[in-house]
N, C-alpha and C. Protein backbone atom coordinates (compact mmCIF):
# COMPACT_ATOMS: atom_id res chain seq x y z
N MET A 1 286.49 -5.16 64.14
CA MET A 1 285.34 -5.20 64.16
C MET A 1 285.14 -5.35 65.91
N LYS A 2 286.26 -6.00 66.38
CA LYS A 2 286.18 -6.00 67.97
C LYS A 2 285.59 -4.28 68.88
N LYS A 3 286.48 -3.55 67.64
CA LYS A 3 286.22 -2.03 68.59
C LYS A 3 284.65 -1.34 68.23
N ILE A 4 284.62 -2.09 67.49
CA ILE A 4 282.73 -1.41 67.01
C ILE A 4 281.93 -1.82 68.13
N LEU A 5 282.05 -3.71 68.17
CA LEU A 5 280.99 -4.32 68.89
C LEU A 5 281.45 -3.42 70.34
N PHE A 6 282.65 -3.56 70.87
CA PHE A 6 282.83 -2.91 72.06
C PHE A 6 282.61 -1.23 72.21
N GLY A 7 282.29 -0.94 70.98
CA GLY A 7 281.46 0.61 71.45
C GLY A 7 280.75 0.85 71.18
N CYS A 8 280.03 -0.19 70.55
CA CYS A 8 278.45 -0.38 71.06
C CYS A 8 277.68 -0.84 71.91
N ILE A 9 278.56 -1.33 73.04
CA ILE A 9 278.32 -1.85 74.14
C ILE A 9 278.54 -0.69 74.99
N ILE A 10 279.62 -0.10 74.89
CA ILE A 10 279.60 0.96 76.29
C ILE A 10 278.54 1.87 75.96
N SER A 11 277.93 2.19 74.62
CA SER A 11 277.44 3.42 74.19
C SER A 11 275.71 2.56 74.63
N LEU A 12 275.65 1.70 74.71
CA LEU A 12 274.27 1.10 75.35
C LEU A 12 274.33 1.19 76.96
N THR A 13 275.52 0.95 77.41
CA THR A 13 275.76 0.96 78.92
C THR A 13 275.31 2.34 79.22
N VAL A 14 275.95 3.26 78.48
CA VAL A 14 275.71 4.74 79.20
C VAL A 14 274.75 5.34 78.71
N PHE A 15 274.06 4.90 77.68
CA PHE A 15 272.59 5.20 77.85
C PHE A 15 271.34 4.78 78.54
N SER A 16 271.64 3.65 78.82
CA SER A 16 270.78 2.91 79.72
C SER A 16 271.33 3.60 81.15
N CYS A 17 272.28 3.73 81.49
CA CYS A 17 272.42 4.64 82.72
C CYS A 17 272.16 5.84 83.05
N ASN A 18 272.02 6.24 82.16
CA ASN A 18 271.11 7.74 81.89
C ASN A 18 269.39 7.93 81.89
N LYS A 19 269.26 6.46 82.19
CA LYS A 19 267.76 6.42 81.95
C LYS A 19 266.91 6.51 83.40
N LYS A 20 265.99 6.26 83.63
CA LYS A 20 265.27 6.03 84.75
C LYS A 20 264.51 4.91 84.77
N PRO A 21 264.92 4.06 86.02
CA PRO A 21 264.12 2.64 85.83
C PRO A 21 262.91 2.82 85.92
N ASP A 22 262.43 1.51 85.80
CA ASP A 22 260.68 1.10 85.79
C ASP A 22 260.52 1.32 87.24
N LYS A 23 259.76 1.95 87.84
CA LYS A 23 259.43 2.04 88.99
C LYS A 23 258.56 0.87 89.82
N ASP A 24 258.03 -0.15 88.62
CA ASP A 24 257.42 -1.46 89.27
C ASP A 24 258.65 -2.28 88.89
N ASP A 25 259.67 -2.33 88.55
CA ASP A 25 260.95 -3.21 88.80
C ASP A 25 260.67 -3.99 90.42
N ALA A 26 260.36 -5.10 90.66
CA ALA A 26 260.34 -5.63 91.93
C ALA A 26 261.90 -5.95 92.35
N GLU A 27 262.13 -6.48 91.21
CA GLU A 27 263.81 -6.83 91.60
C GLU A 27 264.64 -5.78 92.14
N LEU A 28 264.25 -4.40 91.26
CA LEU A 28 265.14 -3.55 91.87
C LEU A 28 264.83 -2.82 93.26
N ARG A 29 263.26 -2.81 93.13
CA ARG A 29 262.74 -2.64 94.52
C ARG A 29 263.36 -3.31 95.70
N ALA A 30 263.37 -4.44 95.48
CA ALA A 30 263.95 -5.52 96.60
C ALA A 30 265.30 -5.38 97.01
N GLN A 31 265.99 -4.79 95.58
CA GLN A 31 267.73 -4.41 96.30
C GLN A 31 267.56 -3.13 96.86
N VAL A 32 267.04 -2.26 96.10
CA VAL A 32 267.03 -1.11 97.24
C VAL A 32 266.38 -1.05 98.70
N MET A 33 265.21 -1.65 99.25
CA MET A 33 264.94 -1.98 100.05
C MET A 33 265.92 -2.56 101.14
N ALA A 34 266.30 -3.39 100.45
CA ALA A 34 267.51 -4.34 101.38
C ALA A 34 268.57 -3.68 101.94
N SER A 35 269.16 -2.61 100.37
CA SER A 35 270.32 -1.78 101.24
C SER A 35 269.98 -1.09 102.20
N CYS A 36 268.97 -0.10 102.06
CA CYS A 36 268.09 0.79 103.39
C CYS A 36 267.90 -0.22 104.71
N GLU A 37 267.58 -1.20 104.38
CA GLU A 37 267.32 -2.04 105.78
C GLU A 37 268.59 -2.20 106.14
N SER A 38 269.46 -2.67 105.68
CA SER A 38 270.51 -3.54 106.20
C SER A 38 271.60 -2.30 106.95
N THR A 39 271.34 -1.33 106.20
CA THR A 39 272.00 0.36 107.19
C THR A 39 270.94 0.78 108.08
N ALA A 40 269.68 0.81 108.06
CA ALA A 40 268.96 1.17 108.88
C ALA A 40 268.94 0.37 110.53
N LEU A 41 268.42 -0.84 110.26
CA LEU A 41 267.73 -1.41 111.06
C LEU A 41 269.47 -2.24 112.11
N SER A 42 269.07 -2.28 113.30
CA SER A 42 270.25 -2.63 114.42
C SER A 42 269.53 -4.06 115.18
N PRO A 43 270.18 -4.64 115.63
CA PRO A 43 269.87 -5.87 116.44
C PRO A 43 268.95 -5.81 117.74
N GLU A 44 269.45 -4.46 118.33
CA GLU A 44 268.75 -4.27 119.38
C GLU A 44 267.52 -3.60 119.49
N MET A 45 266.88 -3.17 118.07
CA MET A 45 265.79 -2.79 118.22
C MET A 45 264.57 -3.06 118.29
N SER A 46 263.71 -2.54 118.80
CA SER A 46 262.18 -3.36 119.10
C SER A 46 261.65 -3.75 117.82
N GLU A 47 260.84 -4.81 118.06
CA GLU A 47 259.98 -4.95 116.78
C GLU A 47 259.11 -3.93 116.38
N GLU A 48 258.66 -2.89 117.00
CA GLU A 48 257.63 -1.54 116.93
C GLU A 48 258.58 -0.92 116.27
N LYS A 49 259.85 -0.70 116.42
CA LYS A 49 261.23 0.45 115.56
C LYS A 49 261.29 -0.30 114.57
N GLU A 50 261.25 -1.95 114.40
CA GLU A 50 261.84 -2.16 112.97
C GLU A 50 260.96 -2.23 112.14
N ILE A 51 259.60 -2.14 112.90
CA ILE A 51 258.20 -2.01 111.26
C ILE A 51 258.20 -0.69 110.94
N LEU A 52 258.48 0.30 112.00
CA LEU A 52 258.86 1.68 111.64
C LEU A 52 259.65 1.95 110.69
N VAL A 53 260.74 1.16 110.76
CA VAL A 53 262.16 1.26 110.21
C VAL A 53 261.97 1.02 108.67
N LYS A 54 261.28 -0.13 108.53
CA LYS A 54 260.86 -1.01 107.47
C LYS A 54 260.14 0.13 106.66
N GLU A 55 258.95 0.42 107.26
CA GLU A 55 258.15 1.49 106.35
C GLU A 55 258.70 2.74 105.94
N TYR A 56 259.75 3.19 106.61
CA TYR A 56 260.44 4.54 106.41
C TYR A 56 261.30 3.68 104.79
N CYS A 57 261.77 2.89 104.92
CA CYS A 57 262.77 2.72 103.75
C CYS A 57 261.49 2.53 102.36
N SER A 58 260.26 1.51 102.96
CA SER A 58 259.52 1.75 101.65
C SER A 58 259.11 2.84 100.89
N CYS A 59 258.84 3.86 102.08
CA CYS A 59 258.79 5.09 101.31
C CYS A 59 259.75 5.30 100.81
N SER A 60 260.79 5.83 101.12
CA SER A 60 262.14 6.52 100.60
C SER A 60 262.09 5.44 99.13
N THR A 61 262.15 4.40 99.71
CA THR A 61 262.67 3.61 98.25
C THR A 61 261.45 4.06 96.90
N ASP A 62 260.04 4.05 96.94
CA ASP A 62 258.66 4.33 96.28
C ASP A 62 259.43 5.67 95.38
N LYS A 63 259.80 6.95 96.44
CA LYS A 63 260.21 8.14 95.88
C LYS A 63 261.18 8.20 95.23
N MET A 64 262.39 6.98 95.51
CA MET A 64 263.32 7.48 94.64
C MET A 64 263.64 6.72 93.12
N LEU A 65 262.72 5.77 93.53
CA LEU A 65 262.51 4.77 92.06
C LEU A 65 261.69 5.68 91.21
N GLY A 66 262.31 5.65 90.16
CA GLY A 66 261.36 6.58 88.75
C GLY A 66 261.69 8.29 88.80
N GLU A 67 262.64 8.26 89.87
CA GLU A 67 263.18 9.70 90.07
C GLU A 67 264.67 10.12 90.00
N PHE A 68 265.54 8.90 89.86
CA PHE A 68 266.77 8.88 90.00
C PHE A 68 267.07 8.14 88.79
N THR A 69 268.14 8.33 88.01
CA THR A 69 268.42 7.40 86.74
C THR A 69 269.37 6.29 87.75
N TYR A 70 269.51 5.24 86.42
CA TYR A 70 270.28 4.14 86.78
C TYR A 70 271.84 5.06 87.71
N ALA A 71 272.58 5.28 86.65
CA ALA A 71 273.39 6.05 87.33
C ALA A 71 273.78 6.68 88.69
N GLU A 72 272.58 7.66 88.62
CA GLU A 72 272.21 8.24 90.10
C GLU A 72 272.59 7.20 91.09
N MET A 73 271.82 6.28 90.95
CA MET A 73 271.18 5.26 92.03
C MET A 73 272.70 4.43 92.54
N MET A 74 273.40 4.34 91.63
CA MET A 74 274.60 3.91 91.75
C MET A 74 275.65 4.59 92.37
N MET A 75 275.51 5.91 92.40
CA MET A 75 276.43 6.89 93.24
C MET A 75 275.72 7.21 94.72
N MET A 76 274.51 6.83 94.75
CA MET A 76 274.04 6.64 96.46
C MET A 76 274.88 6.69 97.59
N ASN A 77 276.33 6.07 97.00
CA ASN A 77 276.75 5.46 98.40
C ASN A 77 277.70 6.75 98.58
N ASN A 78 278.06 7.33 97.33
CA ASN A 78 279.03 8.00 97.38
C ASN A 78 278.74 9.49 96.69
N PRO A 79 277.19 10.45 97.21
CA PRO A 79 276.62 11.09 96.13
C PRO A 79 277.44 12.40 96.01
N THR A 80 277.52 13.20 95.38
CA THR A 80 277.49 14.31 94.74
C THR A 80 276.71 15.06 96.03
N LYS A 81 276.85 16.46 96.00
CA LYS A 81 276.16 17.57 96.94
C LYS A 81 274.94 17.99 95.81
N GLU A 82 274.91 17.94 95.30
CA GLU A 82 273.55 18.09 94.62
C GLU A 82 272.77 16.91 94.35
N LEU A 83 273.22 15.54 94.31
CA LEU A 83 272.80 14.26 94.19
C LEU A 83 271.85 14.34 95.84
N GLU A 84 272.55 14.45 97.10
CA GLU A 84 272.46 14.79 98.36
C GLU A 84 271.14 15.11 98.35
N ASP A 85 271.48 16.52 97.86
CA ASP A 85 270.19 17.69 98.15
C ASP A 85 269.06 16.94 97.58
N ARG A 86 268.78 16.75 96.47
CA ARG A 86 267.63 16.21 95.23
C ARG A 86 267.05 15.26 96.68
N LEU A 87 268.09 14.18 97.01
CA LEU A 87 267.85 13.17 97.74
C LEU A 87 266.94 13.20 99.22
N LYS A 88 267.76 14.43 99.72
CA LYS A 88 267.23 14.86 101.02
C LYS A 88 265.73 15.20 100.91
N LYS A 89 265.90 15.89 99.73
CA LYS A 89 263.99 16.97 99.92
C LYS A 89 262.98 15.70 99.39
N MET A 90 263.73 14.47 98.50
CA MET A 90 262.70 13.84 98.36
C MET A 90 262.00 13.08 99.87
N ILE A 91 263.03 12.36 100.03
CA ILE A 91 262.62 11.58 101.38
C ILE A 91 262.31 12.34 102.44
N ASP A 92 262.08 13.92 102.71
CA ASP A 92 262.07 14.52 103.69
C ASP A 92 260.78 14.29 104.80
N PRO A 93 259.45 13.93 103.64
CA PRO A 93 258.47 13.60 104.03
C PRO A 93 258.25 12.52 104.60
N CYS A 94 259.03 11.26 104.68
CA CYS A 94 259.33 9.59 104.83
C CYS A 94 260.11 10.16 106.35
N LEU A 95 260.92 10.98 106.27
CA LEU A 95 261.47 10.76 107.35
C LEU A 95 260.52 11.87 108.49
N LYS A 96 260.24 12.86 108.49
CA LYS A 96 259.45 13.35 109.22
C LYS A 96 258.19 12.12 109.63
N ASP A 97 257.68 11.18 108.95
CA ASP A 97 256.63 10.57 109.39
C ASP A 97 257.36 9.57 110.14
N LEU A 98 258.41 9.05 109.88
CA LEU A 98 259.37 8.00 110.95
C LEU A 98 259.59 9.10 112.25
N GLU A 99 260.05 10.30 111.83
CA GLU A 99 260.28 10.92 113.40
C GLU A 99 259.15 11.09 114.08
N ALA A 100 257.93 11.07 113.37
CA ALA A 100 256.39 11.30 114.57
C ALA A 100 256.33 10.00 115.12
N LYS A 101 256.00 8.88 114.15
CA LYS A 101 255.80 7.45 115.16
C LYS A 101 256.83 7.21 116.03
N SER A 102 258.05 7.78 116.08
CA SER A 102 259.31 7.28 116.75
C SER A 102 259.05 8.01 117.88
N ALA A 103 258.85 9.28 118.35
CA ALA A 103 258.30 10.04 119.04
C ALA A 103 257.00 9.40 119.49
N GLU A 104 255.93 9.36 119.06
CA GLU A 104 254.78 8.55 119.16
C GLU A 104 255.10 6.79 120.52
N LEU A 105 255.71 6.54 119.89
CA LEU A 105 256.11 5.28 120.15
C LEU A 105 257.21 5.14 121.32
N GLU A 106 257.86 6.47 121.59
CA GLU A 106 258.67 6.29 122.80
C GLU A 106 257.77 7.11 124.00
N LYS A 107 256.71 7.59 124.07
CA LYS A 107 255.33 8.05 124.87
C LYS A 107 255.09 6.80 125.03
N LYS A 108 254.66 6.00 124.54
CA LYS A 108 254.16 4.65 125.09
C LYS A 108 255.39 3.68 126.56
């Protein structure tokens, strides 16, 4: 009986990992945003630059949620080449916007 129960739990876990998360999941969005911001922000950044980075994180988070499965999102710290290429293609508009706004900020 324990083996059957364990098998059911594993099956449900695998099934849910291959499912795309709800794009409106506020908790998941907050976790992805926090991860992005902790990686991208640094203490010596100006307030204006911090705002731009947070906008970038919001943009990239919005693009990721609903596109990648839970399993793929868990792999983002060590992505496969295919996953990395998909991610780069998807967030490229966010990155270009960040670069343009950063260049504009530097001119001031």
